[in-house]
Amino acid sequence: MAGPLEKTRLERVTRSPDETRALAARLAGALGPGSVVTLTGELGAGKTEFVKGLAEGLGAPPRAVRSPTFVLHAQVAGGRLTLHHLDAYRLSAAEFAALAPGELYVAGGVVAVEWADRVAGELPAERVEVALAYAGEDVRSIAIHALGESAGAAVRALLGEESESSPPAKRS
């Protein structure tokens, strides 16, 4: 019998930036107002590509998403929800907290936080965690894990969508 955690975790391998963005776009379709998506992974692992996919899935132009290393907060409007793209790469937890991300968490859009592992104590308990890792030149291993009820519903919707349209995703 599958436990509740198995229904809120998805592991996928993507073989191109397009596949990474497509996976993120499908997730975005299941996200509601106030959703938080955290991203972790090495430099170049595909975090910004994933955020571009979130933008596309929300109906915003993915080209509006840029690597946020020198821009701490970028707002991407034009979709069904505003996407707030935050970067914690160069910030301490205290500096990140000074950006007042808590206000964004309740503002009704979707918040994506790159380098979330650096500010883990400043993140809301309810969130979708995305860990990206190199698995080859353009190949990425992506683990999506939901923490909380709303985040779990989004990941379960993604799992349900994938089971209807493609071979089963690896669950853990």
N, C-alpha and C. Protein backbone atom coordinates (compact mmCIF):
# COMPACT_ATOMS: atom_id res chain seq x y z
N MET A 1 0.85 -1.19 0.00
CA MET A 1 0.00 0.00 0.00
C MET A 1 0.89 1.24 0.00
N ALA A 2 0.58 2.19 -0.86
CA ALA A 2 1.38 3.42 -0.96
C ALA A 2 1.09 4.32 0.22
N GLY A 3 2.16 4.84 0.81
CA GLY A 3 2.01 5.77 1.92
C GLY A 3 1.79 7.18 1.41
N PRO A 4 1.40 8.10 2.31
CA PRO A 4 1.11 9.47 1.87
C PRO A 4 2.32 10.18 1.29
N LEU A 5 3.52 9.87 1.76
CA LEU A 5 4.70 10.52 1.22
C LEU A 5 4.97 10.12 -0.22
N GLU A 6 4.65 8.89 -0.57
CA GLU A 6 4.86 8.44 -1.94
C GLU A 6 4.01 9.24 -2.93
N LYS A 7 2.91 9.77 -2.48
CA LYS A 7 2.01 10.51 -3.35
C LYS A 7 2.40 11.98 -3.46
N THR A 8 3.43 12.40 -2.76
CA THR A 8 3.82 13.81 -2.80
C THR A 8 5.28 13.97 -3.20
N ARG A 9 5.84 12.96 -3.84
CA ARG A 9 7.23 13.03 -4.31
C ARG A 9 7.31 12.45 -5.71
N LEU A 10 8.04 13.14 -6.56
CA LEU A 10 8.21 12.72 -7.94
C LEU A 10 9.68 12.86 -8.30
N GLU A 11 10.22 11.86 -8.95
CA GLU A 11 11.58 11.95 -9.47
C GLU A 11 11.51 11.74 -10.98
N ARG A 12 12.16 12.65 -11.70
CA ARG A 12 12.16 12.61 -13.15
C ARG A 12 13.55 12.86 -13.67
N VAL A 13 13.83 12.37 -14.85
CA VAL A 13 15.05 12.68 -15.57
C VAL A 13 14.62 13.42 -16.83
N THR A 14 15.20 14.61 -17.04
CA THR A 14 14.93 15.35 -18.27
C THR A 14 16.19 15.32 -19.12
N ARG A 15 16.01 15.34 -20.43
CA ARG A 15 17.14 15.18 -21.34
C ARG A 15 17.46 16.44 -22.14
N SER A 16 16.80 17.54 -21.78
CA SER A 16 17.07 18.80 -22.45
C SER A 16 16.48 19.93 -21.62
N PRO A 17 16.94 21.17 -21.84
CA PRO A 17 16.30 22.30 -21.17
C PRO A 17 14.81 22.39 -21.49
N ASP A 18 14.43 22.03 -22.72
CA ASP A 18 13.00 22.05 -23.09
C ASP A 18 12.19 21.10 -22.22
N GLU A 19 12.72 19.91 -21.96
CA GLU A 19 12.02 18.95 -21.11
C GLU A 19 11.94 19.45 -19.68
N THR A 20 13.00 20.10 -19.20
CA THR A 20 12.99 20.66 -17.85
C THR A 20 11.91 21.73 -17.74
N ARG A 21 11.85 22.62 -18.72
CA ARG A 21 10.82 23.67 -18.70
C ARG A 21 9.42 23.07 -18.80
N ALA A 22 9.25 22.03 -19.60
CA ALA A 22 7.94 21.41 -19.77
C ALA A 22 7.45 20.78 -18.46
N LEU A 23 8.35 20.14 -17.73
CA LEU A 23 7.98 19.56 -16.44
C LEU A 23 7.54 20.66 -15.48
N ALA A 24 8.29 21.75 -15.45
CA ALA A 24 7.94 22.88 -14.58
C ALA A 24 6.61 23.50 -14.99
N ALA A 25 6.37 23.61 -16.29
CA ALA A 25 5.11 24.19 -16.77
C ALA A 25 3.93 23.35 -16.32
N ARG A 26 4.08 22.03 -16.36
CA ARG A 26 2.99 21.16 -15.89
C ARG A 26 2.76 21.34 -14.39
N LEU A 27 3.83 21.49 -13.62
CA LEU A 27 3.68 21.74 -12.20
C LEU A 27 2.97 23.08 -11.98
N ALA A 28 3.36 24.10 -12.72
CA ALA A 28 2.76 25.43 -12.55
C ALA A 28 1.26 25.39 -12.77
N GLY A 29 0.81 24.55 -13.67
CA GLY A 29 -0.61 24.43 -13.92
C GLY A 29 -1.40 23.98 -12.71
N ALA A 30 -0.73 23.34 -11.77
CA ALA A 30 -1.40 22.85 -10.56
C ALA A 30 -1.19 23.76 -9.35
N LEU A 31 -0.38 24.80 -9.51
CA LEU A 31 -0.09 25.69 -8.37
C LEU A 31 -1.19 26.74 -8.24
N GLY A 32 -1.48 27.07 -6.99
CA GLY A 32 -2.48 28.09 -6.72
C GLY A 32 -1.84 29.33 -6.12
N PRO A 33 -2.66 30.35 -5.86
CA PRO A 33 -2.16 31.58 -5.23
C PRO A 33 -1.47 31.28 -3.90
N GLY A 34 -0.32 31.90 -3.69
CA GLY A 34 0.42 31.71 -2.45
C GLY A 34 1.36 30.51 -2.46
N SER A 35 1.47 29.83 -3.58
CA SER A 35 2.37 28.67 -3.67
C SER A 35 3.82 29.14 -3.64
N VAL A 36 4.65 28.34 -2.98
CA VAL A 36 6.09 28.60 -2.91
C VAL A 36 6.81 27.39 -3.47
N VAL A 37 7.72 27.65 -4.41
CA VAL A 37 8.54 26.59 -5.02
C VAL A 37 9.98 26.93 -4.70
N THR A 38 10.67 26.02 -4.01
CA THR A 38 12.08 26.24 -3.69
C THR A 38 12.93 25.39 -4.61
N LEU A 39 14.07 25.95 -5.01
CA LEU A 39 14.95 25.25 -5.95
C LEU A 39 16.35 25.16 -5.39
N THR A 40 16.92 23.98 -5.48
CA THR A 40 18.30 23.76 -5.06
C THR A 40 19.03 23.00 -6.17
N GLY A 41 20.35 23.16 -6.16
CA GLY A 41 21.19 22.48 -7.15
C GLY A 41 22.43 23.31 -7.40
N GLU A 42 23.43 22.68 -7.97
CA GLU A 42 24.69 23.37 -8.27
C GLU A 42 24.48 24.45 -9.32
N LEU A 43 25.49 25.31 -9.47
CA LEU A 43 25.48 26.29 -10.56
C LEU A 43 25.28 25.55 -11.87
N GLY A 44 24.37 26.04 -12.68
CA GLY A 44 24.13 25.44 -13.98
C GLY A 44 23.28 24.18 -13.97
N ALA A 45 22.69 23.83 -12.83
CA ALA A 45 21.90 22.61 -12.74
C ALA A 45 20.54 22.72 -13.42
N GLY A 46 20.10 23.93 -13.71
CA GLY A 46 18.83 24.10 -14.40
C GLY A 46 17.76 24.80 -13.58
N LYS A 47 18.13 25.44 -12.48
CA LYS A 47 17.15 26.12 -11.63
C LYS A 47 16.42 27.21 -12.40
N THR A 48 17.15 28.04 -13.13
CA THR A 48 16.51 29.13 -13.87
C THR A 48 15.67 28.58 -15.02
N GLU A 49 16.11 27.53 -15.68
CA GLU A 49 15.29 26.91 -16.72
C GLU A 49 13.98 26.42 -16.13
N PHE A 50 14.04 25.85 -14.93
CA PHE A 50 12.82 25.38 -14.27
C PHE A 50 11.89 26.55 -14.00
N VAL A 51 12.44 27.68 -13.54
CA VAL A 51 11.61 28.86 -13.27
C VAL A 51 11.00 29.39 -14.58
N LYS A 52 11.75 29.33 -15.68
CA LYS A 52 11.18 29.72 -16.97
C LYS A 52 9.96 28.85 -17.30
N GLY A 53 10.06 27.57 -16.98
CA GLY A 53 8.92 26.67 -17.20
C GLY A 53 7.74 27.02 -16.30
N LEU A 54 8.03 27.41 -15.05
CA LEU A 54 6.94 27.85 -14.17
C LEU A 54 6.24 29.06 -14.78
N ALA A 55 7.02 30.02 -15.27
CA ALA A 55 6.43 31.21 -15.89
C ALA A 55 5.54 30.81 -17.06
N GLU A 56 6.06 29.94 -17.92
CA GLU A 56 5.28 29.51 -19.08
C GLU A 56 4.00 28.82 -18.65
N GLY A 57 4.08 27.96 -17.65
CA GLY A 57 2.90 27.26 -17.16
C GLY A 57 1.87 28.18 -16.52
N LEU A 58 2.32 29.32 -16.03
CA LEU A 58 1.41 30.31 -15.46
C LEU A 58 0.85 31.25 -16.54
N GLY A 59 1.37 31.13 -17.77
CA GLY A 59 0.90 31.96 -18.86
C GLY A 59 1.69 33.24 -19.05
N ALA A 60 2.82 33.36 -18.38
CA ALA A 60 3.70 34.52 -18.52
C ALA A 60 4.80 34.19 -19.52
N PRO A 61 5.41 35.19 -20.12
CA PRO A 61 6.46 34.91 -21.09
C PRO A 61 7.73 34.37 -20.41
N PRO A 62 8.18 33.17 -20.77
CA PRO A 62 9.37 32.60 -20.14
C PRO A 62 10.62 33.44 -20.40
N ARG A 63 10.64 34.19 -21.50
CA ARG A 63 11.82 35.01 -21.80
C ARG A 63 11.98 36.14 -20.78
N ALA A 64 10.93 36.43 -20.01
CA ALA A 64 11.02 37.47 -18.97
C ALA A 64 11.82 37.00 -17.76
N VAL A 65 12.07 35.69 -17.67
CA VAL A 65 12.84 35.13 -16.55
C VAL A 65 14.31 35.14 -16.92
N ARG A 66 15.11 35.73 -16.07
CA ARG A 66 16.56 35.77 -16.26
C ARG A 66 17.22 35.16 -15.03
N SER A 67 18.45 34.71 -15.19
CA SER A 67 19.19 34.21 -14.04
C SER A 67 19.28 35.35 -13.03
N PRO A 68 18.80 35.13 -11.81
CA PRO A 68 18.63 36.24 -10.88
C PRO A 68 19.84 36.56 -10.01
N THR A 69 21.02 36.07 -10.34
CA THR A 69 22.16 36.19 -9.45
C THR A 69 22.42 37.61 -8.97
N PHE A 70 22.21 38.60 -9.81
CA PHE A 70 22.46 39.97 -9.38
C PHE A 70 21.18 40.76 -9.17
N VAL A 71 20.05 40.14 -9.41
CA VAL A 71 18.75 40.74 -9.13
C VAL A 71 18.11 39.85 -8.08
N LEU A 72 17.88 40.39 -6.91
CA LEU A 72 17.41 39.58 -5.80
C LEU A 72 15.94 39.19 -5.92
N HIS A 73 15.13 40.07 -6.55
CA HIS A 73 13.71 39.79 -6.72
C HIS A 73 13.27 40.31 -8.08
N ALA A 74 12.78 39.42 -8.90
CA ALA A 74 12.21 39.81 -10.19
C ALA A 74 10.76 39.38 -10.20
N GLN A 75 9.91 40.25 -10.66
CA GLN A 75 8.49 39.97 -10.76
C GLN A 75 8.14 39.73 -12.21
N VAL A 76 7.48 38.61 -12.49
CA VAL A 76 7.08 38.26 -13.85
C VAL A 76 5.55 38.22 -13.88
N ALA A 77 4.96 39.21 -14.53
CA ALA A 77 3.52 39.31 -14.61
C ALA A 77 3.05 38.86 -16.00
N GLY A 78 1.76 38.86 -16.19
CA GLY A 78 1.21 38.55 -17.50
C GLY A 78 0.55 37.19 -17.57
N GLY A 79 0.63 36.41 -16.51
CA GLY A 79 0.00 35.10 -16.48
C GLY A 79 -1.19 35.10 -15.55
N ARG A 80 -1.73 33.90 -15.30
CA ARG A 80 -2.88 33.82 -14.40
C ARG A 80 -2.51 34.19 -12.97
N LEU A 81 -1.24 34.03 -12.61
CA LEU A 81 -0.70 34.47 -11.32
C LEU A 81 0.64 35.14 -11.57
N THR A 82 0.98 36.12 -10.75
CA THR A 82 2.29 36.76 -10.84
C THR A 82 3.34 35.80 -10.28
N LEU A 83 4.46 35.71 -10.95
CA LEU A 83 5.59 34.89 -10.48
C LEU A 83 6.62 35.82 -9.85
N HIS A 84 6.98 35.55 -8.60
CA HIS A 84 8.04 36.28 -7.91
C HIS A 84 9.26 35.37 -7.87
N HIS A 85 10.32 35.79 -8.51
CA HIS A 85 11.53 34.99 -8.66
C HIS A 85 12.59 35.58 -7.73
N LEU A 86 12.95 34.85 -6.68
CA LEU A 86 13.91 35.31 -5.69
C LEU A 86 15.20 34.50 -5.79
N ASP A 87 16.31 35.16 -5.51
CA ASP A 87 17.61 34.51 -5.52
C ASP A 87 18.30 34.70 -4.18
N ALA A 88 18.69 33.60 -3.57
CA ALA A 88 19.35 33.66 -2.26
C ALA A 88 20.83 33.33 -2.34
N TYR A 89 21.39 33.26 -3.55
CA TYR A 89 22.77 32.82 -3.72
C TYR A 89 23.77 33.64 -2.93
N ARG A 90 23.65 34.94 -2.97
CA ARG A 90 24.62 35.82 -2.32
C ARG A 90 24.14 36.34 -0.97
N LEU A 91 23.08 35.77 -0.42
CA LEU A 91 22.48 36.32 0.78
C LEU A 91 22.62 35.40 1.99
N SER A 92 22.77 36.02 3.13
CA SER A 92 22.64 35.27 4.39
C SER A 92 21.15 35.14 4.67
N ALA A 93 20.80 34.31 5.63
CA ALA A 93 19.39 34.16 6.00
C ALA A 93 18.81 35.50 6.45
N ALA A 94 19.59 36.28 7.21
CA ALA A 94 19.10 37.57 7.69
C ALA A 94 18.88 38.55 6.53
N GLU A 95 19.78 38.54 5.56
CA GLU A 95 19.62 39.42 4.40
C GLU A 95 18.40 39.01 3.57
N PHE A 96 18.20 37.71 3.46
CA PHE A 96 17.02 37.22 2.73
C PHE A 96 15.75 37.65 3.45
N ALA A 97 15.73 37.50 4.76
CA ALA A 97 14.56 37.90 5.55
C ALA A 97 14.26 39.39 5.38
N ALA A 98 15.31 40.19 5.22
CA ALA A 98 15.13 41.64 5.05
C ALA A 98 14.42 41.97 3.73
N LEU A 99 14.43 41.04 2.76
CA LEU A 99 13.69 41.25 1.52
C LEU A 99 12.18 41.14 1.74
N ALA A 100 11.79 40.71 2.93
CA ALA A 100 10.38 40.53 3.30
C ALA A 100 9.68 39.50 2.40
N PRO A 101 10.28 38.32 2.25
CA PRO A 101 9.62 37.32 1.39
C PRO A 101 8.28 36.87 1.96
N GLY A 102 8.11 36.99 3.27
CA GLY A 102 6.84 36.60 3.88
C GLY A 102 5.66 37.34 3.28
N GLU A 103 5.87 38.60 2.92
CA GLU A 103 4.81 39.39 2.27
C GLU A 103 4.47 38.79 0.92
N LEU A 104 5.47 38.30 0.21
CA LEU A 104 5.22 37.69 -1.10
C LEU A 104 4.49 36.36 -0.96
N TYR A 105 4.80 35.61 0.12
CA TYR A 105 4.17 34.31 0.31
C TYR A 105 2.66 34.42 0.43
N VAL A 106 2.18 35.56 0.90
CA VAL A 106 0.73 35.73 1.08
C VAL A 106 0.13 36.70 0.07
N ALA A 107 0.91 37.14 -0.91
CA ALA A 107 0.45 38.14 -1.87
C ALA A 107 -0.46 37.57 -2.96
N GLY A 108 -0.55 36.26 -3.07
CA GLY A 108 -1.45 35.68 -4.04
C GLY A 108 -0.81 35.20 -5.33
N GLY A 109 0.48 35.39 -5.49
CA GLY A 109 1.17 34.89 -6.67
C GLY A 109 1.86 33.58 -6.37
N VAL A 110 2.84 33.24 -7.18
CA VAL A 110 3.69 32.08 -6.95
C VAL A 110 5.10 32.62 -6.70
N VAL A 111 5.75 32.11 -5.67
CA VAL A 111 7.10 32.53 -5.32
C VAL A 111 8.06 31.38 -5.62
N ALA A 112 9.10 31.66 -6.42
CA ALA A 112 10.15 30.67 -6.70
C ALA A 112 11.44 31.19 -6.08
N VAL A 113 12.07 30.38 -5.25
CA VAL A 113 13.29 30.78 -4.54
C VAL A 113 14.44 29.89 -4.99
N GLU A 114 15.39 30.48 -5.73
CA GLU A 114 16.60 29.74 -6.11
C GLU A 114 17.59 29.77 -4.95
N TRP A 115 18.37 28.72 -4.83
CA TRP A 115 19.36 28.57 -3.75
C TRP A 115 18.67 28.55 -2.39
N ALA A 116 17.53 27.90 -2.33
CA ALA A 116 16.71 27.89 -1.13
C ALA A 116 17.41 27.23 0.05
N ASP A 117 18.34 26.33 -0.22
CA ASP A 117 19.04 25.67 0.88
C ASP A 117 19.84 26.65 1.72
N ARG A 118 20.19 27.79 1.16
CA ARG A 118 20.97 28.80 1.89
C ARG A 118 20.12 29.59 2.88
N VAL A 119 18.80 29.54 2.72
CA VAL A 119 17.91 30.32 3.58
C VAL A 119 16.77 29.45 4.12
N ALA A 120 17.05 28.19 4.34
CA ALA A 120 16.02 27.22 4.71
C ALA A 120 15.18 27.67 5.91
N GLY A 121 15.79 28.32 6.88
CA GLY A 121 15.06 28.76 8.06
C GLY A 121 14.09 29.89 7.79
N GLU A 122 14.19 30.52 6.64
CA GLU A 122 13.31 31.64 6.29
C GLU A 122 12.18 31.24 5.35
N LEU A 123 12.08 29.97 5.06
CA LEU A 123 11.07 29.50 4.10
C LEU A 123 9.82 29.04 4.83
N PRO A 124 8.68 29.15 4.18
CA PRO A 124 7.44 28.67 4.81
C PRO A 124 7.43 27.15 4.88
N ALA A 125 6.70 26.62 5.84
CA ALA A 125 6.61 25.17 5.99
C ALA A 125 5.91 24.54 4.79
N GLU A 126 4.94 25.21 4.25
CA GLU A 126 4.17 24.73 3.09
C GLU A 126 4.90 25.15 1.83
N ARG A 127 5.41 24.18 1.06
CA ARG A 127 6.14 24.52 -0.16
C ARG A 127 6.37 23.27 -1.01
N VAL A 128 6.73 23.52 -2.26
CA VAL A 128 7.17 22.47 -3.17
C VAL A 128 8.68 22.63 -3.29
N GLU A 129 9.41 21.58 -2.95
CA GLU A 129 10.87 21.61 -3.06
C GLU A 129 11.29 20.91 -4.34
N VAL A 130 12.16 21.58 -5.09
CA VAL A 130 12.67 21.03 -6.35
C VAL A 130 14.19 20.97 -6.24
N ALA A 131 14.74 19.78 -6.34
CA ALA A 131 16.20 19.59 -6.31
C ALA A 131 16.63 19.12 -7.69
N LEU A 132 17.56 19.87 -8.28
CA LEU A 132 18.05 19.55 -9.62
C LEU A 132 19.51 19.13 -9.53
N ALA A 133 19.88 18.11 -10.30
CA ALA A 133 21.27 17.63 -10.29
C ALA A 133 21.67 17.23 -11.70
N TYR A 134 22.95 17.43 -12.00
CA TYR A 134 23.51 16.98 -13.28
C TYR A 134 23.42 15.47 -13.36
N ALA A 135 23.07 14.98 -14.55
CA ALA A 135 23.09 13.54 -14.80
C ALA A 135 23.68 13.28 -16.18
N GLY A 136 24.31 14.29 -16.76
CA GLY A 136 24.89 14.23 -18.09
C GLY A 136 24.89 15.61 -18.70
N GLU A 137 25.39 15.74 -19.92
CA GLU A 137 25.56 17.07 -20.54
C GLU A 137 24.29 17.92 -20.48
N ASP A 138 23.20 17.45 -21.03
CA ASP A 138 21.92 18.17 -20.96
C ASP A 138 20.91 17.43 -20.09
N VAL A 139 21.36 16.39 -19.44
CA VAL A 139 20.47 15.53 -18.66
C VAL A 139 20.45 16.00 -17.21
N ARG A 140 19.24 16.09 -16.65
CA ARG A 140 19.08 16.51 -15.26
C ARG A 140 18.20 15.51 -14.53
N SER A 141 18.57 15.25 -13.30
CA SER A 141 17.74 14.48 -12.39
C SER A 141 17.00 15.50 -11.53
N ILE A 142 15.69 15.39 -11.51
CA ILE A 142 14.87 16.37 -10.80
C ILE A 142 13.98 15.65 -9.81
N ALA A 143 14.10 16.04 -8.54
CA ALA A 143 13.24 15.50 -7.49
C ALA A 143 12.32 16.61 -7.02
N ILE A 144 11.03 16.33 -7.04
CA ILE A 144 10.03 17.30 -6.60
C ILE A 144 9.34 16.69 -5.39
N HIS A 145 9.36 17.43 -4.29
CA HIS A 145 8.81 16.94 -3.03
C HIS A 145 7.91 18.00 -2.44
N ALA A 146 6.72 17.61 -2.05
CA ALA A 146 5.76 18.55 -1.47
C ALA A 146 5.79 18.49 0.04
N LEU A 147 5.76 19.65 0.65
CA LEU A 147 5.62 19.77 2.09
C LEU A 147 4.32 20.54 2.35
N GLY A 148 3.35 19.89 2.92
CA GLY A 148 2.08 20.54 3.22
C GLY A 148 0.97 20.11 2.29
N GLU A 149 -0.25 20.42 2.69
CA GLU A 149 -1.44 19.95 1.99
C GLU A 149 -1.60 20.53 0.59
N SER A 150 -1.50 21.85 0.45
CA SER A 150 -1.68 22.46 -0.88
C SER A 150 -0.57 22.06 -1.82
N ALA A 151 0.67 22.06 -1.32
CA ALA A 151 1.80 21.64 -2.13
C ALA A 151 1.63 20.18 -2.55
N GLY A 152 1.16 19.36 -1.62
CA GLY A 152 0.93 17.95 -1.93
C GLY A 152 -0.11 17.78 -3.02
N ALA A 153 -1.16 18.60 -2.99
CA ALA A 153 -2.19 18.52 -4.02
C ALA A 153 -1.61 18.85 -5.39
N ALA A 154 -0.72 19.84 -5.44
CA ALA A 154 -0.10 20.22 -6.72
C ALA A 154 0.75 19.08 -7.26
N VAL A 155 1.55 18.45 -6.41
CA VAL A 155 2.41 17.36 -6.87
C VAL A 155 1.57 16.14 -7.25
N ARG A 156 0.54 15.86 -6.47
CA ARG A 156 -0.34 14.74 -6.84
C ARG A 156 -1.02 15.00 -8.18
N ALA A 157 -1.41 16.24 -8.45
CA ALA A 157 -2.01 16.59 -9.75
C ALA A 157 -1.00 16.35 -10.87
N LEU A 158 0.25 16.73 -10.64
CA LEU A 158 1.30 16.50 -11.64
C LEU A 158 1.49 15.00 -11.86
N LEU A 159 1.52 14.23 -10.79
CA LEU A 159 1.65 12.78 -10.92
C LEU A 159 0.48 12.19 -11.69
N GLY A 160 -0.72 12.66 -11.40
CA GLY A 160 -1.90 12.17 -12.09
C GLY A 160 -1.87 12.51 -13.57
N GLU A 161 -1.44 13.72 -13.89
CA GLU A 161 -1.34 14.16 -15.28
C GLU A 161 -0.32 13.32 -16.02
N GLU A 162 0.82 13.04 -15.38
CA GLU A 162 1.85 12.25 -16.04
C GLU A 162 1.39 10.81 -16.25
N SER A 163 0.65 10.25 -15.30
CA SER A 163 0.22 8.86 -15.46
C SER A 163 -0.79 8.72 -16.58
N GLU A 164 -1.51 9.83 -16.89
CA GLU A 164 -2.46 9.79 -17.98
C GLU A 164 -1.80 9.97 -19.34
N SER A 165 -0.62 10.66 -19.37
CA SER A 165 -0.05 11.02 -20.66
C SER A 165 1.31 10.39 -20.97
N SER A 166 1.93 9.72 -20.02
CA SER A 166 3.26 9.18 -20.28
C SER A 166 3.50 7.96 -19.41
N PRO A 167 4.63 7.29 -19.63
CA PRO A 167 4.97 6.16 -18.77
C PRO A 167 5.06 6.62 -17.32
N PRO A 168 4.86 5.73 -16.37
CA PRO A 168 4.84 6.11 -14.96
C PRO A 168 6.16 6.76 -14.55
N ALA A 169 6.04 7.79 -13.73
CA ALA A 169 7.21 8.46 -13.16
C ALA A 169 7.76 7.62 -12.02
N LYS A 170 9.03 7.73 -11.79
CA LYS A 170 9.64 7.02 -10.68
C LYS A 170 9.21 7.71 -9.40
N ARG A 171 8.61 6.98 -8.49
CA ARG A 171 8.18 7.53 -7.21
C ARG A 171 9.05 6.97 -6.12
N SER A 172 9.25 7.79 -5.10
CA SER A 172 9.99 7.26 -3.94
C SER A 172 9.33 7.70 -2.67
